[in-house]
């Protein structure tokens, strides 16, 4: 038990240190993140995740290493779909490119806490009430079907009850005020629209977690593997956003691939006690479906209009 506690503390301190290094050193001055810089950071975070995966293989063995890689790949793929929502949020609030990186950075601190709570709760529920895995499985199948046949996700912050409640009891300025979340004027503290954007992103991540956490719990029941694969995927999300913001059309068929994956994982959860599917097969199916959906999207892009 003490060994597990040390592992969790050490990992979270490492993540916190990387975030401090990211914003406090490399992005100390706010600036517009260009595609080249974003791609370099993407390569850094992916390399870090793969290096960690090697560590899991050496320390915990092949099975957990495959579980980490499958979980990371799944979460990263679902995150790409979430980038469309982030783009809508920034467009809706007309957030200057100069301030977008810091919003995503501070949003991740909240995500870390939210994901930890969701993952621990999910693992405990499965351990205490094993039948809930069938509810998770059915939910993923329904989510996959909805993703395939549903339209684009729409963001309507003005109808969100949490944001409406915040605006009711806390004054909000009209200007972004040099990228600050709060300002003090005439002895009164005001929130800026940038804080509303941050609040919207945090609330949106709750919806993302409801989809993604049950999916990754079907890949692994180890809380640390689920948590670490989630965190590494989230860490690279900011850079991925800036790298792909101008190329969203390249992933036209990705949502269909993700819907197939979610349906497969849901079925996997439902039949687990009767026909357990090895992690190697699950990983192969995830990679194949993602590969086909991305290649189909690229081919569609090249077709003449």
Protein backbone atom coordinates (compact mmCIF):
# COMPACT_ATOMS: atom_id res chain seq x y z
CA UNK A 1 0.00 0.00 0.00
CA UNK A 2 2.80 2.44 0.91
CA UNK A 3 4.50 1.58 -2.39
CA UNK A 4 1.32 2.44 -4.33
CA UNK A 5 0.89 5.73 -2.45
CA UNK A 6 4.50 6.69 -3.22
CA UNK A 7 3.93 5.85 -6.89
CA UNK A 8 0.86 8.09 -7.11
CA UNK A 9 2.56 10.96 -5.28
CA UNK A 10 5.71 10.70 -7.41
CA UNK A 11 3.73 10.60 -10.67
CA UNK A 12 1.59 13.60 -9.74
CA UNK A 13 4.65 15.57 -8.62
CA UNK A 14 6.26 14.75 -11.98
CA UNK A 15 3.16 15.95 -13.88
CA UNK A 16 3.00 19.10 -11.75
CA UNK A 17 6.71 19.74 -12.35
CA UNK A 18 6.24 19.39 -16.12
CA UNK A 19 3.32 21.82 -16.06
CA UNK A 20 5.32 24.36 -14.05
CA UNK A 21 8.25 23.98 -16.44
CA UNK A 22 5.89 24.35 -19.40
CA UNK A 23 4.17 27.57 -18.35
CA UNK A 24 6.79 29.00 -15.99
CA UNK A 25 9.82 28.55 -18.26
CA UNK A 26 8.95 27.76 -21.87
CA UNK A 27 5.72 29.79 -22.06
CA UNK A 28 6.43 32.42 -19.43
CA UNK A 29 5.51 35.18 -21.89
CA UNK A 30 2.11 34.95 -23.55
CA UNK A 31 2.40 34.59 -27.31
CA UNK A 32 0.50 33.16 -30.22
CA UNK A 33 1.50 29.49 -30.65
CA UNK A 34 2.46 28.75 -34.25
CA UNK A 35 2.04 25.37 -35.95
CA UNK A 36 5.77 24.57 -35.95
CA UNK A 37 6.09 25.19 -32.21
CA UNK A 38 2.92 23.18 -31.54
CA UNK A 39 4.21 20.21 -33.57
CA UNK A 40 7.49 20.22 -31.63
CA UNK A 41 5.58 20.18 -28.35
CA UNK A 42 3.34 17.39 -29.68
CA UNK A 43 6.44 15.35 -30.46
CA UNK A 44 7.78 16.05 -26.97
CA UNK A 45 4.62 14.93 -25.14
CA UNK A 46 4.17 11.83 -27.33
CA UNK A 47 7.83 10.88 -26.80
CA UNK A 48 7.43 11.35 -23.06
CA UNK A 49 4.36 9.09 -23.05
CA UNK A 50 6.15 6.40 -25.07
CA UNK A 51 9.18 6.61 -22.76
CA UNK A 52 6.86 6.16 -19.78
CA UNK A 53 5.29 3.21 -21.60
CA UNK A 54 8.73 1.60 -21.87
CA UNK A 55 9.12 2.13 -18.12
CA UNK A 56 5.79 0.38 -17.51
CA UNK A 57 6.96 -2.53 -19.68
CA UNK A 58 10.24 -2.90 -17.76
CA UNK A 59 8.63 -2.46 -14.35
CA UNK A 60 5.18 -4.04 -14.72
CA UNK A 61 5.48 -6.31 -17.76
CA UNK A 62 4.03 -6.64 -21.24
CA UNK A 63 0.34 -6.88 -20.31
CA UNK A 64 0.15 -3.58 -18.41
CA UNK A 65 2.39 -1.91 -20.99
CA UNK A 66 -0.09 -2.87 -23.74
CA UNK A 67 -2.95 -1.65 -21.56
CA UNK A 68 -1.23 1.72 -21.08
CA UNK A 69 -0.56 2.10 -24.81
CA UNK A 70 -4.13 1.12 -25.77
CA UNK A 71 -5.56 3.48 -23.14
CA UNK A 72 -3.30 6.33 -24.24
CA UNK A 73 -4.13 5.82 -27.91
CA UNK A 74 -7.85 5.68 -27.16
CA UNK A 75 -7.79 8.82 -25.01
CA UNK A 76 -5.66 10.72 -27.51
CA UNK A 77 -8.07 9.79 -30.30
CA UNK A 78 -11.11 10.88 -28.29
CA UNK A 79 -9.24 14.10 -27.47
CA UNK A 80 -8.90 14.90 -31.19
CA UNK A 81 -12.69 14.81 -31.44
CA UNK A 82 -12.84 17.14 -28.44
CA UNK A 83 -10.65 19.68 -30.23
CA UNK A 84 -13.63 20.56 -32.40
CA UNK A 85 -15.46 21.61 -29.23
CA UNK A 86 -12.51 23.69 -27.99
CA UNK A 87 -12.42 25.44 -31.35
CA UNK A 88 -16.13 26.24 -31.02
CA UNK A 89 -15.62 27.61 -27.50
CA UNK A 90 -12.77 29.92 -28.55
CA UNK A 91 -14.71 31.02 -31.64
CA UNK A 92 -17.90 31.66 -29.67
CA UNK A 93 -16.12 33.86 -27.12
CA UNK A 94 -13.78 35.36 -29.75
CA UNK A 95 -10.75 34.54 -27.63
CA UNK A 96 -7.57 36.14 -29.07
CA UNK A 97 -4.97 33.55 -30.11
CA UNK A 98 -2.57 35.23 -27.66
CA UNK A 99 -4.58 34.02 -24.65
CA UNK A 100 -5.70 30.57 -25.79
CA UNK A 101 -2.64 28.64 -24.57
CA UNK A 102 -2.87 29.90 -20.98
CA UNK A 103 -6.59 29.03 -20.85
CA UNK A 104 -5.88 25.46 -21.95
CA UNK A 105 -2.96 25.25 -19.50
CA UNK A 106 -5.01 26.24 -16.44
CA UNK A 107 -7.84 24.08 -17.69
CA UNK A 108 -5.57 21.05 -17.44
CA UNK A 109 -5.02 21.60 -13.71
CA UNK A 110 -8.74 21.21 -13.21
CA UNK A 111 -8.82 18.23 -15.56
CA UNK A 112 -6.21 16.42 -13.45
CA UNK A 113 -8.43 16.64 -10.39
CA UNK A 114 -11.61 15.75 -12.28
CA UNK A 115 -10.06 12.75 -14.01
CA UNK A 116 -8.59 11.43 -10.73
CA UNK A 117 -12.02 11.60 -9.05
CA UNK A 118 -13.79 9.97 -12.03
CA UNK A 119 -11.22 7.18 -12.39
CA UNK A 120 -11.05 6.28 -8.69
CA UNK A 121 -14.87 6.34 -8.49
CA UNK A 122 -15.16 4.15 -11.60
CA UNK A 123 -12.66 1.57 -10.34
CA UNK A 124 -14.30 1.43 -6.90
CA UNK A 125 -17.75 1.02 -8.44
CA UNK A 126 -16.57 -1.85 -10.65
CA UNK A 127 -14.86 -3.56 -7.70
CA UNK A 128 -17.82 -3.15 -5.34
CA UNK A 129 -20.65 -3.48 -7.87
CA UNK A 130 -19.36 -5.61 -10.73
CA UNK A 131 -22.70 -5.49 -12.53
CA UNK A 132 -22.16 -1.78 -13.22
CA UNK A 133 -19.70 -2.80 -15.93
CA UNK A 134 -22.73 -3.82 -18.02
CA UNK A 135 -24.22 -0.34 -17.58
CA UNK A 136 -20.89 1.16 -18.72
CA UNK A 137 -20.87 -1.18 -21.71
CA UNK A 138 -24.42 -0.31 -22.75
CA UNK A 139 -23.67 3.40 -22.27
CA UNK A 140 -20.63 3.19 -24.57
CA UNK A 141 -22.65 1.41 -27.26
CA UNK A 142 -25.34 4.10 -27.12
CA UNK A 143 -22.67 6.83 -27.13
CA UNK A 144 -21.02 5.26 -30.19
CA UNK A 145 -24.32 5.07 -32.06
CA UNK A 146 -25.16 8.67 -31.13
CA UNK A 147 -21.71 9.86 -32.23
CA UNK A 148 -22.11 8.15 -35.60
CA UNK A 149 -25.62 9.41 -36.40
CA UNK A 150 -25.64 12.65 -34.44
CA UNK A 151 -24.72 16.05 -35.84
CA UNK A 152 -21.89 18.32 -34.78
CA UNK A 153 -21.68 19.17 -31.08
CA UNK A 154 -23.01 22.63 -30.35
CA UNK A 155 -21.70 24.82 -27.57
CA UNK A 156 -24.26 27.11 -25.93
CA UNK A 157 -22.59 28.60 -22.84
CA UNK A 158 -25.40 31.12 -22.37
CA UNK A 159 -27.73 28.19 -21.54
CA UNK A 160 -25.34 26.46 -19.11
CA UNK A 161 -26.88 26.74 -15.61
CA UNK A 162 -23.48 26.89 -13.86
CA UNK A 163 -22.28 29.79 -16.02
CA UNK A 164 -25.64 31.58 -15.69
CA UNK A 165 -25.45 31.18 -11.90
CA UNK A 166 -21.88 32.51 -11.86
CA UNK A 167 -22.88 35.57 -13.90
CA UNK A 168 -25.80 36.18 -11.57
CA UNK A 169 -23.66 36.42 -8.44
CA UNK A 170 -20.32 37.60 -9.84
CA UNK A 171 -19.73 40.65 -12.07
CA UNK A 172 -18.12 39.92 -15.45
CA UNK A 173 -16.28 42.54 -17.52
CA UNK A 174 -16.71 42.89 -21.25
CA UNK A 175 -12.96 43.09 -22.07
CA UNK A 176 -10.25 40.42 -21.77
CA UNK A 177 -7.98 42.78 -19.82
CA UNK A 178 -4.59 41.51 -21.05
CA UNK A 179 -5.40 37.85 -20.49
CA UNK A 180 -6.21 38.01 -16.78
CA UNK A 181 -8.94 35.90 -15.21
CA UNK A 182 -9.83 38.44 -12.52
CA UNK A 183 -9.21 42.17 -12.11
CA UNK A 184 -9.83 44.61 -9.27
CA UNK A 185 -11.42 47.95 -10.04
CA UNK A 186 -12.77 50.53 -7.59
CA UNK A 187 -12.38 48.09 -4.72
CA UNK A 188 -14.41 45.40 -6.46
CA UNK A 189 -13.20 42.13 -8.02
CA UNK A 190 -14.44 41.45 -11.56
CA UNK A 191 -14.16 38.27 -13.63
CA UNK A 192 -13.09 38.65 -17.24
CA UNK A 193 -14.60 36.72 -20.17
CA UNK A 194 -11.44 34.60 -20.12
CA UNK A 195 -12.52 33.06 -16.81
CA UNK A 196 -15.92 32.24 -18.33
CA UNK A 197 -14.05 30.51 -21.16
CA UNK A 198 -12.00 28.54 -18.60
CA UNK A 199 -15.16 27.60 -16.70
CA UNK A 200 -16.80 26.45 -19.95
CA UNK A 201 -13.81 24.24 -20.79
CA UNK A 202 -13.82 22.69 -17.30
CA UNK A 203 -17.55 21.93 -17.52
CA UNK A 204 -17.06 20.51 -21.02
CA UNK A 205 -14.36 18.17 -19.73
CA UNK A 206 -16.86 16.67 -17.31
CA UNK A 207 -18.90 15.59 -20.36
CA UNK A 208 -15.73 14.30 -22.07
CA UNK A 209 -14.82 12.25 -18.99
CA UNK A 210 -18.27 10.63 -18.88
CA UNK A 211 -17.51 9.18 -22.33
CA UNK A 212 -13.81 8.46 -22.03
CA UNK A 213 -13.38 7.08 -18.50
CA UNK A 214 -15.74 4.08 -18.97
CA UNK A 215 -14.01 3.39 -22.31
CA UNK A 216 -10.52 3.27 -20.83
CA UNK A 217 -11.79 1.23 -17.84
CA UNK A 218 -12.69 -1.44 -20.38
CA UNK A 219 -9.03 -1.48 -21.43
CA UNK A 220 -7.57 -1.71 -17.93
CA UNK A 221 -8.85 -2.05 -14.38
CA UNK A 222 -5.54 -0.83 -12.92
CA UNK A 223 -6.25 2.68 -11.53
CA UNK A 224 -2.69 3.89 -12.09
CA UNK A 225 -2.57 2.71 -15.71
CA UNK A 226 -5.95 4.31 -16.43
CA UNK A 227 -4.97 7.57 -14.71
CA UNK A 228 -1.48 7.86 -16.23
CA UNK A 229 -2.67 7.09 -19.78
CA UNK A 230 -5.42 9.69 -19.35
CA UNK A 231 -3.03 12.33 -18.05
CA UNK A 232 -0.45 11.85 -20.79
CA UNK A 233 -3.20 12.18 -23.41
CA UNK A 234 -4.51 15.36 -21.75
CA UNK A 235 -1.02 16.87 -21.43
CA UNK A 236 -0.54 16.76 -25.17
CA UNK A 237 -4.00 18.12 -25.91
CA UNK A 238 -3.00 21.82 -25.88
CA UNK A 239 -0.19 21.38 -28.38
CA UNK A 240 -2.38 19.10 -30.48
CA UNK A 241 -5.04 21.81 -30.61
CA UNK A 242 -2.67 24.42 -32.03
CA UNK A 243 -1.11 21.92 -34.43
CA UNK A 244 -4.44 20.77 -35.85
CA UNK A 245 -6.67 23.86 -35.42
CA UNK A 246 -6.32 24.73 -39.08
CA UNK A 247 -6.65 21.15 -40.31
CA UNK A 248 -9.89 20.01 -38.69
CA UNK A 249 -11.29 18.99 -42.08
CA UNK A 250 -8.59 16.34 -42.31
CA UNK A 251 -10.49 14.25 -39.74
CA UNK A 252 -13.90 14.14 -41.39
CA UNK A 253 -14.37 10.40 -40.81
CA UNK A 254 -12.67 10.25 -37.41
CA UNK A 255 -15.94 10.47 -35.48
CA UNK A 256 -17.20 7.39 -37.34
CA UNK A 257 -14.03 5.52 -36.43
CA UNK A 258 -14.39 6.58 -32.81
CA UNK A 259 -18.04 5.49 -32.79
CA UNK A 260 -17.00 2.02 -34.03
CA UNK A 261 -14.33 1.83 -31.32
CA UNK A 262 -16.75 2.87 -28.56
CA UNK A 263 -19.31 0.30 -29.73
CA UNK A 264 -16.60 -2.39 -29.83
CA UNK A 265 -15.41 -1.50 -26.32
CA UNK A 266 -19.00 -1.48 -25.06
CA UNK A 267 -19.56 -4.97 -26.49
CA UNK A 268 -16.22 -6.05 -24.98
CA UNK A 269 -17.45 -4.96 -21.54
CA UNK A 270 -20.78 -6.77 -21.97
CA UNK A 271 -19.26 -10.12 -23.00
CA UNK A 272 -16.13 -9.93 -20.83
CA UNK A 273 -17.24 -12.65 -18.40
CA UNK A 274 -18.20 -15.01 -21.27
CA UNK A 275 -15.65 -14.23 -24.01
CA UNK A 276 -12.70 -12.22 -22.65
CA UNK A 277 -10.89 -10.36 -25.45
CA UNK A 278 -7.09 -10.14 -24.99
CA UNK A 279 -5.62 -6.64 -24.82
CA UNK A 280 -3.45 -7.35 -27.88
CA UNK A 281 -6.57 -7.94 -30.02
CA UNK A 282 -8.30 -4.86 -28.59
CA UNK A 283 -5.23 -2.74 -29.36
CA UNK A 284 -5.05 -4.14 -32.90
CA UNK A 285 -8.71 -3.29 -33.55
CA UNK A 286 -8.31 0.25 -32.17
CA UNK A 287 -5.23 0.91 -34.33
CA UNK A 288 -6.87 -0.59 -37.45
CA UNK A 289 -10.12 1.39 -37.11
CA UNK A 290 -8.28 4.66 -36.43
CA UNK A 291 -5.95 4.03 -39.36
CA UNK A 292 -8.82 3.35 -41.77
CA UNK A 293 -10.80 6.43 -40.64
CA UNK A 294 -7.78 8.75 -40.96
CA UNK A 295 -6.77 7.34 -44.36
CA UNK A 296 -10.36 7.65 -45.59
CA UNK A 297 -10.41 11.28 -44.40
CA UNK A 298 -7.15 12.05 -46.20
CA UNK A 299 -8.41 10.37 -49.40
CA UNK A 300 -11.66 12.35 -49.21
CA UNK A 301 -9.65 15.58 -48.85
CA UNK A 302 -7.73 14.81 -52.05
CA UNK A 303 -10.82 14.09 -54.13
CA UNK A 304 -11.85 16.90 -56.50
CA UNK A 305 -14.84 18.93 -55.34
